[in-house]
């Protein structure tokens, strides 16, 4: 099934890609990034993330729908391919937007987890969007701010879940 949004007249493709080094094993990183509650329980108010998946498993599933919403944004989509423990793909539906549907339309979020050895991982995330050409540089800037603390946030959540050494 093709979940890809198609080009909209007057918009251009925009890609934001960033890699974070996280001082934890890939299995621990994947555990955090694959759990629904990582995202449903850790959003800044008034933003929320919701999933339609089964309560039987705490993990995201292929074909499961979700929405990340709040003032000025609605990113609603469906989980695509999930390859444990290294890849997750989320396709946003036509009509998803940031600020206004007239300017920025996210279309896809991909996440890769790689083993760097010595209990360290790299997480690469990539956001693909359709944007009006005049706002492209601003969207890159806004993405840089939004994702700036992502690596530290993941590391903090992993430390919270690990038992202390005494």
N, C-alpha and C. Protein backbone atom coordinates (compact mmCIF):
# COMPACT_ATOMS: atom_id res chain seq x y z
N UNK A 1 0.84 -1.18 0.00
CA UNK A 1 0.00 0.00 0.00
C UNK A 1 0.89 1.24 0.00
N UNK A 2 0.53 2.22 -0.82
CA UNK A 2 1.31 3.45 -0.96
C UNK A 2 0.74 4.52 -0.03
N UNK A 3 1.51 4.89 0.98
CA UNK A 3 1.08 5.91 1.92
C UNK A 3 1.64 7.28 1.58
N UNK A 4 2.47 7.35 0.56
CA UNK A 4 3.16 8.60 0.25
C UNK A 4 2.18 9.69 -0.19
N UNK A 5 2.36 10.88 0.36
CA UNK A 5 1.64 12.05 -0.13
C UNK A 5 2.27 12.45 -1.45
N UNK A 6 1.47 12.94 -2.33
CA UNK A 6 1.99 13.40 -3.62
C UNK A 6 2.16 14.92 -3.59
N UNK A 7 2.99 15.41 -4.47
CA UNK A 7 3.30 16.83 -4.52
C UNK A 7 2.03 17.66 -4.68
N UNK A 8 2.05 18.82 -4.06
CA UNK A 8 0.95 19.77 -4.15
C UNK A 8 1.48 20.97 -4.93
N UNK A 9 0.73 21.48 -5.92
CA UNK A 9 1.21 22.64 -6.67
C UNK A 9 1.58 23.80 -5.75
N UNK A 10 2.73 24.39 -6.00
CA UNK A 10 3.19 25.53 -5.22
C UNK A 10 4.05 25.15 -4.02
N UNK A 11 4.18 23.85 -3.73
CA UNK A 11 5.00 23.37 -2.62
C UNK A 11 6.27 22.72 -3.17
N UNK A 12 7.33 22.68 -2.34
CA UNK A 12 8.56 22.00 -2.70
C UNK A 12 8.88 20.97 -1.62
N UNK A 13 9.64 19.96 -2.00
CA UNK A 13 10.05 18.93 -1.03
C UNK A 13 11.08 19.52 -0.07
N UNK A 14 10.94 19.18 1.20
CA UNK A 14 11.87 19.62 2.24
C UNK A 14 12.28 18.39 3.05
N UNK A 15 13.55 18.25 3.33
CA UNK A 15 14.04 17.13 4.15
C UNK A 15 14.90 17.69 5.27
N UNK A 16 14.58 17.25 6.49
CA UNK A 16 15.40 17.57 7.65
C UNK A 16 15.90 16.25 8.23
N UNK A 17 17.21 16.10 8.30
CA UNK A 17 17.81 14.85 8.79
C UNK A 17 18.86 15.19 9.83
N UNK A 18 18.82 14.45 10.94
CA UNK A 18 19.77 14.71 12.02
C UNK A 18 20.12 13.41 12.72
N UNK A 19 21.38 13.30 13.14
CA UNK A 19 21.85 12.11 13.85
C UNK A 19 22.30 12.51 15.25
N UNK A 20 21.92 11.67 16.20
CA UNK A 20 22.26 11.88 17.61
C UNK A 20 23.06 10.69 18.11
N UNK A 21 24.11 10.95 18.85
CA UNK A 21 24.87 9.88 19.52
C UNK A 21 24.31 9.76 20.93
N UNK A 22 23.96 8.53 21.29
CA UNK A 22 23.33 8.29 22.59
C UNK A 22 24.16 7.24 23.33
N UNK A 23 24.59 7.53 24.55
CA UNK A 23 25.50 6.63 25.28
C UNK A 23 24.78 5.44 25.93
N UNK A 24 24.03 4.71 25.11
CA UNK A 24 23.30 3.53 25.58
C UNK A 24 23.27 2.50 24.46
N UNK A 25 23.09 1.26 24.84
CA UNK A 25 23.02 0.15 23.87
C UNK A 25 21.81 0.32 22.95
N UNK A 26 21.94 -0.14 21.70
CA UNK A 26 20.82 -0.02 20.76
C UNK A 26 19.52 -0.64 21.25
N UNK A 27 19.58 -1.76 21.96
CA UNK A 27 18.35 -2.39 22.46
C UNK A 27 17.62 -1.47 23.43
N UNK A 28 18.36 -0.75 24.27
CA UNK A 28 17.74 0.18 25.21
C UNK A 28 17.14 1.38 24.49
N UNK A 29 17.85 1.87 23.48
CA UNK A 29 17.36 3.00 22.69
C UNK A 29 16.10 2.59 21.94
N UNK A 30 16.14 1.43 21.29
CA UNK A 30 14.98 0.95 20.56
C UNK A 30 13.77 0.79 21.48
N UNK A 31 13.99 0.25 22.66
CA UNK A 31 12.90 0.05 23.62
C UNK A 31 12.16 1.36 23.88
N UNK A 32 12.90 2.42 24.09
CA UNK A 32 12.30 3.72 24.37
C UNK A 32 11.60 4.27 23.13
N UNK A 33 12.23 4.19 21.97
CA UNK A 33 11.68 4.79 20.76
C UNK A 33 10.52 4.00 20.15
N UNK A 34 10.34 2.77 20.58
CA UNK A 34 9.31 1.91 20.01
C UNK A 34 8.07 1.81 20.90
N UNK A 35 8.15 2.31 22.11
CA UNK A 35 7.02 2.26 23.05
C UNK A 35 6.07 3.43 22.81
N UNK A 36 4.79 3.15 22.81
CA UNK A 36 3.79 4.21 22.66
C UNK A 36 3.87 5.21 23.82
N UNK A 37 4.03 4.69 25.06
CA UNK A 37 3.98 5.58 26.22
C UNK A 37 5.14 6.57 26.29
N UNK A 38 6.21 6.30 25.57
CA UNK A 38 7.29 7.28 25.48
C UNK A 38 6.74 8.59 24.92
N UNK A 39 5.83 8.48 23.99
CA UNK A 39 5.30 9.66 23.32
C UNK A 39 3.98 10.14 23.92
N UNK A 40 3.16 9.23 24.42
CA UNK A 40 1.88 9.65 25.00
C UNK A 40 2.06 10.28 26.38
N UNK A 41 3.09 9.88 27.12
CA UNK A 41 3.29 10.36 28.49
C UNK A 41 4.30 11.49 28.64
N UNK A 42 4.94 11.89 27.56
CA UNK A 42 6.04 12.85 27.71
C UNK A 42 5.93 14.02 26.74
N UNK A 43 4.74 14.54 26.55
CA UNK A 43 4.54 15.71 25.69
C UNK A 43 4.34 16.95 26.53
N UNK A 44 4.78 18.07 26.00
CA UNK A 44 4.52 19.35 26.67
C UNK A 44 3.06 19.72 26.45
N UNK A 45 2.38 20.11 27.56
CA UNK A 45 1.01 20.57 27.44
C UNK A 45 1.01 21.85 26.62
N UNK A 46 0.12 22.04 25.71
CA UNK A 46 -1.12 21.33 25.43
C UNK A 46 -1.02 20.34 24.28
N UNK A 47 0.19 19.89 23.96
CA UNK A 47 0.37 18.93 22.86
C UNK A 47 0.17 17.51 23.36
N UNK A 48 -0.34 16.65 22.47
CA UNK A 48 -0.61 15.26 22.84
C UNK A 48 -0.29 14.35 21.65
N UNK A 49 -0.01 13.10 21.98
CA UNK A 49 0.12 12.04 20.98
C UNK A 49 -0.87 10.95 21.36
N UNK A 50 -1.60 10.46 20.38
CA UNK A 50 -2.57 9.39 20.59
C UNK A 50 -2.33 8.29 19.56
N UNK A 51 -2.58 7.04 19.96
CA UNK A 51 -2.44 5.87 19.08
C UNK A 51 -3.75 5.09 19.07
N UNK A 52 -4.01 4.39 17.97
CA UNK A 52 -5.21 3.55 17.87
C UNK A 52 -4.92 2.10 18.15
N UNK A 53 -3.66 1.76 18.45
CA UNK A 53 -3.25 0.37 18.59
C UNK A 53 -3.83 -0.36 19.79
N UNK A 54 -3.65 -1.65 19.77
CA UNK A 54 -4.14 -2.54 20.80
C UNK A 54 -3.43 -2.30 22.13
N UNK A 55 -4.19 -2.38 23.20
CA UNK A 55 -3.61 -2.25 24.54
C UNK A 55 -2.87 -3.51 24.95
N UNK A 56 -2.92 -4.56 24.13
CA UNK A 56 -2.25 -5.82 24.45
C UNK A 56 -0.74 -5.64 24.46
N UNK A 57 -0.23 -4.80 23.60
CA UNK A 57 1.21 -4.57 23.55
C UNK A 57 1.51 -3.09 23.75
N UNK A 58 2.59 -2.76 24.44
CA UNK A 58 2.94 -1.35 24.61
C UNK A 58 3.67 -0.76 23.41
N UNK A 59 3.91 -1.59 22.40
CA UNK A 59 4.75 -1.17 21.27
C UNK A 59 3.94 -0.77 20.05
N UNK A 60 4.48 0.18 19.29
CA UNK A 60 3.87 0.60 18.04
C UNK A 60 3.83 -0.58 17.07
N UNK A 61 2.78 -0.61 16.24
CA UNK A 61 2.58 -1.70 15.29
C UNK A 61 2.40 -1.13 13.88
N UNK A 62 2.86 -1.88 12.88
CA UNK A 62 2.64 -1.48 11.49
C UNK A 62 1.14 -1.37 11.25
N UNK A 63 0.73 -0.34 10.54
CA UNK A 63 -0.67 -0.13 10.23
C UNK A 63 -1.45 0.60 11.31
N UNK A 64 -0.83 0.87 12.44
CA UNK A 64 -1.47 1.57 13.54
C UNK A 64 -1.49 3.08 13.23
N UNK A 65 -2.61 3.71 13.48
CA UNK A 65 -2.71 5.14 13.24
C UNK A 65 -2.36 5.90 14.51
N UNK A 66 -1.88 7.13 14.31
CA UNK A 66 -1.60 7.99 15.45
C UNK A 66 -1.74 9.45 15.04
N UNK A 67 -1.81 10.29 16.04
CA UNK A 67 -1.86 11.73 15.78
C UNK A 67 -1.08 12.46 16.86
N UNK A 68 -0.32 13.44 16.43
CA UNK A 68 0.40 14.35 17.32
C UNK A 68 -0.24 15.72 17.06
N UNK A 69 -0.90 16.25 18.08
CA UNK A 69 -1.70 17.45 17.83
C UNK A 69 -1.59 18.44 18.97
N UNK A 70 -1.93 19.65 18.64
CA UNK A 70 -1.93 20.75 19.60
C UNK A 70 -2.08 22.04 18.83
N UNK A 71 -1.99 23.18 19.52
CA UNK A 71 -2.15 24.45 18.83
C UNK A 71 -1.17 24.61 17.66
N UNK A 72 -1.71 24.89 16.49
CA UNK A 72 -0.87 25.14 15.31
C UNK A 72 -0.31 23.91 14.65
N UNK A 73 -0.79 22.73 15.03
CA UNK A 73 -0.26 21.53 14.37
C UNK A 73 -1.21 20.35 14.46
N UNK A 74 -1.17 19.55 13.43
CA UNK A 74 -1.86 18.27 13.42
C UNK A 74 -1.07 17.35 12.50
N UNK A 75 -0.34 16.42 13.10
CA UNK A 75 0.44 15.42 12.35
C UNK A 75 -0.27 14.09 12.57
N UNK A 76 -1.11 13.69 11.63
CA UNK A 76 -1.88 12.46 11.75
C UNK A 76 -1.41 11.49 10.68
N UNK A 77 -1.13 10.24 11.08
CA UNK A 77 -0.60 9.30 10.11
C UNK A 77 -0.75 7.86 10.50
N UNK A 78 0.01 7.03 9.79
CA UNK A 78 -0.05 5.59 9.98
C UNK A 78 1.37 5.04 10.03
N UNK A 79 1.59 4.11 10.95
CA UNK A 79 2.91 3.48 11.06
C UNK A 79 3.13 2.60 9.84
N UNK A 80 4.24 2.82 9.20
CA UNK A 80 4.64 1.99 8.08
C UNK A 80 5.52 0.85 8.57
N UNK A 81 6.56 0.59 7.82
CA UNK A 81 7.46 -0.52 8.13
C UNK A 81 8.18 -0.31 9.47
N UNK A 82 8.21 -1.37 10.26
CA UNK A 82 8.96 -1.38 11.52
C UNK A 82 9.88 -2.59 11.46
N UNK A 83 11.17 -2.36 11.55
CA UNK A 83 12.15 -3.43 11.55
C UNK A 83 12.91 -3.38 12.86
N UNK A 84 12.52 -4.25 13.79
CA UNK A 84 13.14 -4.28 15.11
C UNK A 84 14.57 -4.79 14.98
N UNK A 85 15.55 -4.20 15.57
CA UNK A 85 15.57 -3.03 16.43
C UNK A 85 16.20 -1.82 15.76
N UNK A 86 15.93 -1.62 14.46
CA UNK A 86 16.72 -0.61 13.77
C UNK A 86 15.98 0.42 12.94
N UNK A 87 14.69 0.25 12.66
CA UNK A 87 14.03 1.18 11.74
C UNK A 87 12.54 1.30 12.04
N UNK A 88 12.04 2.52 11.93
CA UNK A 88 10.61 2.79 12.10
C UNK A 88 10.21 3.88 11.11
N UNK A 89 9.07 3.69 10.47
CA UNK A 89 8.60 4.60 9.43
C UNK A 89 7.18 5.05 9.75
N UNK A 90 6.94 6.33 9.74
CA UNK A 90 5.62 6.90 9.99
C UNK A 90 5.25 7.79 8.81
N UNK A 91 4.14 7.48 8.18
CA UNK A 91 3.66 8.27 7.04
C UNK A 91 2.52 9.15 7.50
N UNK A 92 2.65 10.45 7.27
CA UNK A 92 1.59 11.38 7.64
C UNK A 92 0.58 11.50 6.51
N UNK A 93 -0.67 11.61 6.89
CA UNK A 93 -1.75 11.73 5.92
C UNK A 93 -1.79 13.12 5.30
N UNK A 94 -2.37 13.15 4.10
CA UNK A 94 -2.69 14.41 3.44
C UNK A 94 -3.60 15.19 4.38
N UNK A 95 -3.30 16.44 4.61
CA UNK A 95 -4.07 17.26 5.54
C UNK A 95 -3.32 17.54 6.83
N UNK A 96 -2.23 16.80 7.09
CA UNK A 96 -1.39 17.12 8.24
C UNK A 96 -0.70 18.45 7.99
N UNK A 97 -0.46 19.20 9.05
CA UNK A 97 0.15 20.52 8.85
C UNK A 97 0.85 21.01 10.11
N UNK A 98 1.72 22.00 9.91
CA UNK A 98 2.32 22.76 10.99
C UNK A 98 2.05 24.23 10.69
N UNK A 99 1.61 24.98 11.68
CA UNK A 99 1.19 26.39 11.59
C UNK A 99 -0.09 26.53 10.79
N UNK A 100 -0.05 26.21 9.51
CA UNK A 100 -1.23 26.24 8.65
C UNK A 100 -1.00 25.30 7.48
N UNK A 101 -2.05 24.68 7.01
CA UNK A 101 -1.94 23.75 5.88
C UNK A 101 -1.46 24.47 4.63
N UNK A 102 -1.53 25.77 4.62
CA UNK A 102 -1.10 26.55 3.45
C UNK A 102 0.41 26.66 3.33
N UNK A 103 1.17 26.31 4.42
CA UNK A 103 2.61 26.54 4.40
C UNK A 103 3.45 25.29 4.56
N UNK A 104 3.14 24.46 5.56
CA UNK A 104 4.01 23.31 5.90
C UNK A 104 3.15 22.07 6.08
N UNK A 105 3.45 21.03 5.30
CA UNK A 105 2.71 19.78 5.36
C UNK A 105 3.69 18.61 5.56
N UNK A 106 3.83 18.13 6.78
CA UNK A 106 4.72 16.98 6.99
C UNK A 106 4.18 15.76 6.26
N UNK A 107 5.10 14.94 5.73
CA UNK A 107 4.65 13.76 5.02
C UNK A 107 5.24 12.45 5.54
N UNK A 108 6.38 12.50 6.23
CA UNK A 108 7.00 11.26 6.67
C UNK A 108 8.02 11.51 7.76
N UNK A 109 8.09 10.58 8.73
CA UNK A 109 9.12 10.60 9.77
C UNK A 109 9.74 9.21 9.83
N UNK A 110 11.04 9.14 9.56
CA UNK A 110 11.77 7.88 9.63
C UNK A 110 12.79 7.96 10.75
N UNK A 111 13.00 6.82 11.42
CA UNK A 111 13.97 6.74 12.52
C UNK A 111 14.81 5.48 12.33
N UNK A 112 16.14 5.65 12.41
CA UNK A 112 17.08 4.53 12.33
C UNK A 112 17.89 4.49 13.62
N UNK A 113 18.12 3.30 14.15
CA UNK A 113 18.97 3.11 15.33
C UNK A 113 20.14 2.23 14.90
N UNK A 114 21.35 2.69 15.17
CA UNK A 114 22.55 1.95 14.79
C UNK A 114 23.44 1.71 16.00
N UNK A 115 24.15 0.60 15.98
CA UNK A 115 25.07 0.22 17.05
C UNK A 115 26.44 0.82 16.75
N UNK A 116 26.92 1.67 17.64
CA UNK A 116 28.26 2.24 17.50
C UNK A 116 29.30 1.44 18.27
N UNK A 117 28.86 0.38 18.97
CA UNK A 117 29.77 -0.38 19.80
C UNK A 117 29.99 0.30 21.13
N UNK A 118 30.56 -0.43 22.06
CA UNK A 118 30.89 0.10 23.39
C UNK A 118 29.70 0.79 24.04
N UNK A 119 28.52 0.15 23.97
CA UNK A 119 27.31 0.68 24.61
C UNK A 119 26.95 2.09 24.14
N UNK A 120 27.11 2.34 22.85
CA UNK A 120 26.71 3.63 22.29
C UNK A 120 25.92 3.38 21.01
N UNK A 121 24.94 4.23 20.78
CA UNK A 121 24.09 4.12 19.60
C UNK A 121 24.06 5.45 18.86
N UNK A 122 23.69 5.38 17.59
CA UNK A 122 23.35 6.57 16.81
C UNK A 122 21.89 6.44 16.44
N UNK A 123 21.17 7.52 16.61
CA UNK A 123 19.78 7.59 16.16
C UNK A 123 19.72 8.67 15.10
N UNK A 124 19.27 8.28 13.93
CA UNK A 124 19.08 9.23 12.84
C UNK A 124 17.59 9.35 12.61
N UNK A 125 17.13 10.58 12.57
CA UNK A 125 15.72 10.81 12.27
C UNK A 125 15.66 11.74 11.05
N UNK A 126 14.64 11.50 10.26
CA UNK A 126 14.46 12.29 9.05
C UNK A 126 12.98 12.65 8.91
N UNK A 127 12.72 13.94 8.74
CA UNK A 127 11.37 14.44 8.52
C UNK A 127 11.29 14.97 7.10
N UNK A 128 10.38 14.41 6.31
CA UNK A 128 10.13 14.90 4.96
C UNK A 128 8.81 15.66 4.97
N UNK A 129 8.80 16.81 4.32
CA UNK A 129 7.62 17.67 4.30
C UNK A 129 7.46 18.30 2.93
N UNK A 130 6.27 18.78 2.67
CA UNK A 130 6.01 19.68 1.55
C UNK A 130 5.88 21.07 2.16
N UNK A 131 6.59 22.04 1.60
CA UNK A 131 6.56 23.40 2.14
C UNK A 131 6.48 24.41 1.01
N UNK A 132 5.98 25.58 1.33
CA UNK A 132 6.05 26.70 0.40
C UNK A 132 7.52 27.12 0.33
N UNK A 133 8.03 27.42 -0.86
CA UNK A 133 9.46 27.73 -0.99
C UNK A 133 9.95 28.84 -0.06
N UNK A 134 9.15 29.85 0.17
CA UNK A 134 9.61 30.99 0.97
C UNK A 134 9.77 30.66 2.45
N UNK A 135 9.21 29.54 2.92
CA UNK A 135 9.32 29.20 4.35
C UNK A 135 10.29 28.03 4.59
N UNK A 136 10.91 27.54 3.55
CA UNK A 136 11.79 26.37 3.66
C UNK A 136 12.93 26.56 4.68
N UNK A 137 13.63 27.68 4.59
CA UNK A 137 14.74 27.92 5.52
C UNK A 137 14.25 28.08 6.95
N UNK A 138 13.11 28.71 7.12
CA UNK A 138 12.53 28.85 8.47
C UNK A 138 12.13 27.50 9.04
N UNK A 139 11.60 26.61 8.18
CA UNK A 139 11.21 25.28 8.62
C UNK A 139 12.44 24.49 9.06
N UNK A 140 13.53 24.63 8.35
CA UNK A 140 14.78 23.99 8.76
C UNK A 140 15.21 24.51 10.12
N UNK A 141 15.14 25.80 10.31
CA UNK A 141 15.51 26.41 11.59
C UNK A 141 14.62 25.91 12.72
N UNK A 142 13.30 25.88 12.49
CA UNK A 142 12.36 25.41 13.51
C UNK A 142 12.60 23.94 13.85
N UNK A 143 12.90 23.11 12.85
CA UNK A 143 13.19 21.71 13.10
C UNK A 143 14.45 21.58 13.97
N UNK A 144 15.46 22.41 13.68
CA UNK A 144 16.69 22.38 14.47
C UNK A 144 16.42 22.67 15.94
N UNK A 145 15.56 23.63 16.21
CA UNK A 145 15.20 23.94 17.60
C UNK A 145 14.42 22.78 18.22
N UNK A 146 13.40 22.29 17.51
CA UNK A 146 12.55 21.23 18.05
C UNK A 146 13.35 19.98 18.39
N UNK A 147 14.23 19.56 17.52
CA UNK A 147 14.97 18.30 17.71
C UNK A 147 16.25 18.47 18.53
N UNK A 148 16.61 19.68 18.91
CA UNK A 148 17.91 19.92 19.56
C UNK A 148 18.15 19.08 20.81
N UNK A 149 17.14 18.85 21.61
CA UNK A 149 17.33 18.09 22.85
C UNK A 149 16.94 16.63 22.76
N UNK A 150 16.66 16.14 21.56
CA UNK A 150 16.14 14.79 21.39
C UNK A 150 17.07 13.72 21.97
N UNK A 151 18.35 13.78 21.67
CA UNK A 151 19.31 12.78 22.17
C UNK A 151 19.36 12.74 23.68
N UNK A 152 19.40 13.90 24.31
CA UNK A 152 19.44 13.97 25.78
C UNK A 152 18.13 13.46 26.37
N UNK A 153 17.01 13.76 25.73
CA UNK A 153 15.70 13.30 26.19
C UNK A 153 15.64 11.78 26.17
N UNK A 154 16.08 11.16 25.08
CA UNK A 154 16.08 9.69 24.98
C UNK A 154 16.98 9.10 26.06
N UNK A 155 18.16 9.65 26.22
CA UNK A 155 19.10 9.16 27.24
C UNK A 155 18.50 9.27 28.64
N UNK A 156 17.84 10.36 28.94
CA UNK A 156 17.21 10.55 30.24
C UNK A 156 16.12 9.50 30.49
N UNK A 157 15.31 9.22 29.48
CA UNK A 157 14.25 8.22 29.64
C UNK A 157 14.83 6.82 29.84
N UNK A 158 15.93 6.52 29.19
CA UNK A 158 16.58 5.21 29.38
C UNK A 158 17.12 5.10 30.80
N UNK A 159 17.77 6.13 31.29
CA UNK A 159 18.30 6.11 32.66
C UNK A 159 17.19 5.92 33.68
N UNK A 160 16.03 6.52 33.45
CA UNK A 160 14.89 6.37 34.37
C UNK A 160 14.41 4.94 34.42
N UNK A 161 14.46 4.23 33.32
CA UNK A 161 13.94 2.85 33.26
C UNK A 161 14.94 1.82 33.77
N UNK A 162 16.23 2.17 33.79
CA UNK A 162 17.25 1.22 34.24
C UNK A 162 17.35 1.24 35.76
N UNK A 163 17.51 0.06 36.37
CA UNK A 163 17.68 0.03 37.83
C UNK A 163 19.01 0.69 38.21
N UNK A 164 19.02 1.38 39.34
CA UNK A 164 20.24 2.04 39.79
C UNK A 164 21.20 1.00 40.36
N UNK A 165 22.45 1.39 40.41
CA UNK A 165 23.51 0.48 40.90
C UNK A 165 23.67 0.54 42.42
N UNK A 166 22.80 1.16 43.11
CA UNK A 166 22.91 1.11 44.55
C UNK A 166 22.69 2.39 45.21
